[in-house]
Amino acid sequence: MSSKGSSISSRPSEPVRKAEVTIRLSDFEIPPMQDVLLVGKRAPIGPEAVRRMVDALSPEQYAIVPVAHDVFEAVVLKKSLLKFLPEDKVLPILLEEGSRVATDTTVVKAQVNIVVQVNRAVDL
């Protein structure tokens, strides 16, 4: 049998690399943020400037939490999120995932969806 028609190669094939891109388009919002801002340690806007911005545009709606982290110095959270999940539960997730895509010079905006599932039984 001839090797001319064979598709088997003796050298390893290159790995397949793919990227999935999801884009969420929406109306411009004031303030220009969503649920969370992750503020890098060397970002062009710091936590105090963010505080002034959110206080001017959306008073009492956001909490600014200073963090001891390699990349970020503060996390700005929509207070309504903290009614669903306590700060000590949500912050580690945000910091871990944010540090995968951000540097200490960036400010990352994030949309966060929290779904609470409750199952209860009642006596009949």
C-alpha atoms as a PDB file:
ATOM      1  CA  MET A   1       0.000   0.000   0.000  1.00  0.00           C
ATOM      2  CA  SER A   2       1.304   3.438  -0.876  1.00  0.00           C
ATOM      3  CA  SER A   3       1.811   6.158   1.759  1.00  0.00           C
ATOM      4  CA  LYS A   4       0.725   8.739  -0.810  1.00  0.00           C
ATOM      5  CA  GLY A   5      -2.941   8.624   0.238  1.00  0.00           C
ATOM      6  CA  SER A   6      -2.286   8.350   3.979  1.00  0.00           C
ATOM      7  CA  SER A   7      -3.157  11.336   6.171  1.00  0.00           C
ATOM      8  CA  ILE A   8      -1.242  10.075   9.203  1.00  0.00           C
ATOM      9  CA  SER A   9       1.777  12.257   9.983  1.00  0.00           C
ATOM     10  CA  SER A  10       4.796  11.180  11.974  1.00  0.00           C
ATOM     11  CA  ARG A  11       5.209  14.553  13.686  1.00  0.00           C
ATOM     12  CA  PRO A  12       2.779  15.845  16.334  1.00  0.00           C
ATOM     13  CA  SER A  13       0.090  18.206  15.148  1.00  0.00           C
ATOM     14  CA  GLU A  14      -0.139  21.782  16.354  1.00  0.00           C
ATOM     15  CA  PRO A  15      -2.590  22.343  19.222  1.00  0.00           C
ATOM     16  CA  VAL A  16      -5.880  23.895  18.271  1.00  0.00           C
ATOM     17  CA  ARG A  17      -6.395  27.294  19.854  1.00  0.00           C
ATOM     18  CA  LYS A  18      -9.764  28.932  19.939  1.00  0.00           C
ATOM     19  CA  ALA A  19     -11.200  32.041  21.533  1.00  0.00           C
ATOM     20  CA  GLU A  20     -14.852  32.576  22.249  1.00  0.00           C
ATOM     21  CA  VAL A  21     -15.905  36.200  22.240  1.00  0.00           C
ATOM     22  CA  THR A  22     -19.119  37.327  23.872  1.00  0.00           C
ATOM     23  CA  ILE A  23     -20.084  40.950  23.496  1.00  0.00           C
ATOM     24  CA  ARG A  24     -22.772  42.570  25.599  1.00  0.00           C
ATOM     25  CA  LEU A  25     -24.029  45.760  24.018  1.00  0.00           C
ATOM     26  CA  SER A  26     -26.299  48.056  25.963  1.00  0.00           C
ATOM     27  CA  ASP A  27     -27.309  51.659  26.367  1.00  0.00           C
ATOM     28  CA  PHE A  28     -24.704  53.956  27.848  1.00  0.00           C
ATOM     29  CA  GLU A  29     -25.176  54.141  31.588  1.00  0.00           C
ATOM     30  CA  ILE A  30     -24.482  56.849  34.134  1.00  0.00           C
ATOM     31  CA  PRO A  31     -22.184  56.271  35.869  1.00  0.00           C
ATOM     32  CA  PRO A  32     -20.232  54.526  33.099  1.00  0.00           C
ATOM     33  CA  MET A  33     -19.897  51.322  35.052  1.00  0.00           C
ATOM     34  CA  GLN A  34     -21.964  48.275  35.732  1.00  0.00           C
ATOM     35  CA  ASP A  35     -22.014  46.256  38.891  1.00  0.00           C
ATOM     36  CA  VAL A  36     -18.311  46.257  39.732  1.00  0.00           C
ATOM     37  CA  LEU A  37     -15.148  48.237  39.017  1.00  0.00           C
ATOM     38  CA  LEU A  38     -11.775  46.681  39.805  1.00  0.00           C
ATOM     39  CA  VAL A  39      -9.262  49.510  40.255  1.00  0.00           C
ATOM     40  CA  GLY A  40      -5.628  48.632  39.528  1.00  0.00           C
ATOM     41  CA  LYS A  41      -2.910  49.833  41.889  1.00  0.00           C
ATOM     42  CA  ARG A  42      -1.375  52.055  39.194  1.00  0.00           C
ATOM     43  CA  ALA A  43      -4.542  52.851  37.234  1.00  0.00           C
ATOM     44  CA  PRO A  44      -5.027  56.370  35.847  1.00  0.00           C
ATOM     45  CA  ILE A  45      -8.046  56.840  38.120  1.00  0.00           C
ATOM     46  CA  GLY A  46      -7.783  55.932  41.778  1.00  0.00           C
ATOM     47  CA  PRO A  47     -10.336  54.920  44.376  1.00  0.00           C
ATOM     48  CA  GLU A  48     -10.865  58.477  45.630  1.00  0.00           C
ATOM     49  CA  ALA A  49     -11.679  59.779  42.129  1.00  0.00           C
ATOM     50  CA  VAL A  50     -14.026  56.818  41.626  1.00  0.00           C
ATOM     51  CA  ARG A  51     -15.676  57.626  44.966  1.00  0.00           C
ATOM     52  CA  ARG A  52     -16.320  61.219  43.877  1.00  0.00           C
ATOM     53  CA  MET A  53     -17.716  60.051  40.539  1.00  0.00           C
ATOM     54  CA  VAL A  54     -20.153  57.505  41.967  1.00  0.00           C
ATOM     55  CA  ASP A  55     -21.184  59.796  44.826  1.00  0.00           C
ATOM     56  CA  ALA A  56     -21.965  62.579  42.349  1.00  0.00           C
ATOM     57  CA  LEU A  57     -23.846  60.398  39.869  1.00  0.00           C
ATOM     58  CA  SER A  58     -25.342  57.619  42.004  1.00  0.00           C
ATOM     59  CA  PRO A  59     -25.232  58.555  45.686  1.00  0.00           C
ATOM     60  CA  GLU A  60     -25.471  55.686  48.157  1.00  0.00           C
ATOM     61  CA  GLN A  61     -25.560  52.997  45.435  1.00  0.00           C
ATOM     62  CA  TYR A  62     -21.938  51.771  45.487  1.00  0.00           C
ATOM     63  CA  ALA A  63     -19.514  50.609  48.167  1.00  0.00           C
ATOM     64  CA  ILE A  64     -15.791  51.216  47.688  1.00  0.00           C
ATOM     65  CA  VAL A  65     -13.738  48.470  49.314  1.00  0.00           C
ATOM     66  CA  PRO A  66      -9.948  48.881  49.662  1.00  0.00           C
ATOM     67  CA  VAL A  67      -8.199  45.524  49.142  1.00  0.00           C
ATOM     68  CA  ALA A  68      -4.743  44.125  49.844  1.00  0.00           C
ATOM     69  CA  HIS A  69      -4.075  42.485  46.480  1.00  0.00           C
ATOM     70  CA  ASP A  70      -1.158  42.197  44.029  1.00  0.00           C
ATOM     71  CA  VAL A  71      -3.052  43.832  41.144  1.00  0.00           C
ATOM     72  CA  PHE A  72      -5.942  45.850  42.580  1.00  0.00           C
ATOM     73  CA  GLU A  73      -6.175  48.492  45.284  1.00  0.00           C
ATOM     74  CA  ALA A  74      -9.949  48.788  45.439  1.00  0.00           C
ATOM     75  CA  VAL A  75     -13.185  47.176  44.338  1.00  0.00           C
ATOM     76  CA  VAL A  76     -16.275  49.278  43.721  1.00  0.00           C
ATOM     77  CA  LEU A  77     -19.424  47.190  44.247  1.00  0.00           C
ATOM     78  CA  LYS A  78     -23.051  47.945  43.659  1.00  0.00           C
ATOM     79  CA  LYS A  79     -24.558  47.697  47.164  1.00  0.00           C
ATOM     80  CA  SER A  80     -27.542  45.715  45.891  1.00  0.00           C
ATOM     81  CA  LEU A  81     -25.189  42.819  45.058  1.00  0.00           C
ATOM     82  CA  LEU A  82     -24.195  42.591  48.701  1.00  0.00           C
ATOM     83  CA  LYS A  83     -27.795  41.791  49.634  1.00  0.00           C
ATOM     84  CA  PHE A  84     -27.477  38.576  47.631  1.00  0.00           C
ATOM     85  CA  LEU A  85     -23.929  37.570  48.545  1.00  0.00           C
ATOM     86  CA  PRO A  86     -21.774  38.912  51.397  1.00  0.00           C
ATOM     87  CA  GLU A  87     -18.647  40.880  50.629  1.00  0.00           C
ATOM     88  CA  ASP A  88     -16.344  38.177  52.030  1.00  0.00           C
ATOM     89  CA  LYS A  89     -17.795  35.652  49.548  1.00  0.00           C
ATOM     90  CA  VAL A  90     -17.945  37.784  46.407  1.00  0.00           C
ATOM     91  CA  LEU A  91     -14.622  39.684  46.710  1.00  0.00           C
ATOM     92  CA  PRO A  92     -12.307  36.652  46.392  1.00  0.00           C
ATOM     93  CA  ILE A  93     -14.135  35.542  43.238  1.00  0.00           C
ATOM     94  CA  LEU A  94     -13.971  39.008  41.680  1.00  0.00           C
ATOM     95  CA  LEU A  95     -10.283  39.444  42.512  1.00  0.00           C
ATOM     96  CA  GLU A  96      -9.302  36.007  41.229  1.00  0.00           C
ATOM     97  CA  GLU A  97     -11.149  36.321  37.935  1.00  0.00           C
ATOM     98  CA  GLY A  98     -10.259  39.982  37.467  1.00  0.00           C
ATOM     99  CA  SER A  99      -6.552  39.345  37.956  1.00  0.00           C
ATOM    100  CA  ARG A 100      -6.659  36.846  35.068  1.00  0.00           C
ATOM    101  CA  VAL A 101      -7.492  39.617  32.588  1.00  0.00           C
ATOM    102  CA  ALA A 102      -6.258  42.858  34.169  1.00  0.00           C
ATOM    103  CA  THR A 103      -2.998  44.515  35.062  1.00  0.00           C
ATOM    104  CA  ASP A 104      -2.225  46.937  37.861  1.00  0.00           C
ATOM    105  CA  THR A 105      -2.596  49.847  35.414  1.00  0.00           C
ATOM    106  CA  THR A 106      -6.167  49.069  34.368  1.00  0.00           C
ATOM    107  CA  VAL A 107      -9.667  49.655  35.628  1.00  0.00           C
ATOM    108  CA  VAL A 108     -11.937  46.734  34.777  1.00  0.00           C
ATOM    109  CA  LYS A 109     -15.707  47.043  34.559  1.00  0.00           C
ATOM    110  CA  ALA A 110     -17.707  43.885  35.277  1.00  0.00           C
ATOM    111  CA  GLN A 111     -21.301  42.820  35.086  1.00  0.00           C
ATOM    112  CA  VAL A 112     -22.143  40.362  37.842  1.00  0.00           C
ATOM    113  CA  ASN A 113     -25.222  38.183  37.931  1.00  0.00           C
ATOM    114  CA  ILE A 114     -25.996  36.397  41.180  1.00  0.00           C
ATOM    115  CA  VAL A 115     -28.792  33.869  41.336  1.00  0.00           C
ATOM    116  CA  VAL A 116     -29.851  32.559  44.715  1.00  0.00           C
ATOM    117  CA  GLN A 117     -31.556  29.196  44.663  1.00  0.00           C
ATOM    118  CA  VAL A 118     -33.777  28.224  47.593  1.00  0.00           C
ATOM    119  CA  ASN A 119     -35.436  24.871  48.183  1.00  0.00           C
ATOM    120  CA  ARG A 120     -37.687  24.530  51.201  1.00  0.00           C
ATOM    121  CA  ALA A 121     -39.799  21.748  52.501  1.00  0.00           C
ATOM    122  CA  VAL A 122     -42.948  22.258  54.498  1.00  0.00           C
ATOM    123  CA  ASP A 123     -44.910  19.810  56.610  1.00  0.00           C
ATOM    124  CA  LEU A 124     -48.318  18.941  55.223  1.00  0.00           C
END
